[in-house]
Amino acid sequence: MKAAHFDYHAPRTLVEALDLLSTLENARVLAGGQSLMPMLNLRLGGFDHLIDLGHVAELSVIEKVSGAYKIGAMVRQREIEKFEGFEKNVPLLYQAIRYVGHQQTRNRGTIGGSICHLDPSAELPLVALTMDARLEVASTRGMRQIEFKDFFSSLLSSVLSPDEILTRIYMPVSHESDCCVFLEFSRRPADFAIASVAVVLRLDEQEKIQHLKIGIGGLGPSAVRLYEFEQKFKGQFWSETMLSELQSHIKTLPGEGDLDNTPEYRNTLAQVLVKRALTKAFQMNKNPLHG
C-alpha cells in the first residue's frame, strides 16, 4: 500500500515554512520521516500538503549556550551520536541515543521528530523529561517556550497548535558530579523498548543524596517522572530500603499492554531496570574513575 496523494513543499527558511503551515489547509510537517512515512504508506493518516523541513538549515544547528545545549529540531540522531561534548556534558543523551533504532534510521531520524511523535517507548522523550528539557516552538504569531513536562497532551499527541513548529530543544548540561544511567529492555537490539529507565544521581561529600532524577518509559501513554521520590530521598543515605520502596511504588503505577507484552510484564521490567540503574549510578558515585 502507498500513501494517498498530497502536495509536497520544501521551504528553505523557517519563515517560509511557518507561512506555508499557516496558510495551507490540512498540512503536515515532515522531519526525519521515520515514523510518519510508514504511517502514510499504511494509510493510517492523511493530509493534503506535506511541508519538508529538511532544507531549513537553521534548524540543524547545535549550539552551547549558558547551562545548556540548544539543539535544532532537525538535527539528525546520528549527529547527536557523534557530537563531541555530549558524552561529558549530557551523558544521559549520549547513552540513550545508541538505543534509538538502527544506525540507518538514525541517519535520517531527527531529535525533533522523535520528541513531537511522543511514542511512549521512545528514548528521546524520556531523556527530555528526565533532563527537564525546554522546548522552543514557533508560528507566524511568534515564539514561545514549553517545559517538556508540559508538552504531552494524550497518546502520540502534544500541546503544539496546528500552526506551530518545534524549532529547538534546550538540553541542560549535567553537573560534573552527576552520574547518569540509561537502560532499556527490548526483545532484540534496536527493537522498540518494552520498558526503559533514565536516572541521574549525585551524592554529597557525606554520601547523602544531593540530586536525584528518575524517569520511566513504556508503562503508559507517556514517560513518567517519580518527582515525589526524588524529593523524598534528597538528603538521605542510599539504602536497599529505598530501592524496595521505589519498586513497591512502581507496582502501583497504571500501565498499558499490547499483544506481546502485558501491563504486568512491563511493570516488572520497570522495577528491575530502576534497581539496576540506581545501583549502577550509586557505584559510579562511589568510584567515579571507574563509572
Foldseek 3Di string as FASTA:
>chain_A
DAADDAAEAEDQAPVVLQVCLVPDPFEDEDALCPPPRVCRGVVVDHGHYYYYDQNHVLQQDWDDDVQWIKHRQNHFLVCVQPPPPCCQWVVLSNVQSQQAADPVSSVRHGLNVCLLQQALQHRSLQSLLQQQKKWWKAHPVGIDIDGSVQFDDWQRHGPDDSSMDTTIIIGGTDDNQKQKDKDFDDPDRRDRTCKIKIKIFGADPVQATAFIWIWMGNFASHIDTPVVLRVVRHRHHDDVVSLVVVLVVLCPDHGCDDPVGHSNRSSVRRSVNVVVRVVVRSVCSVPVVVD
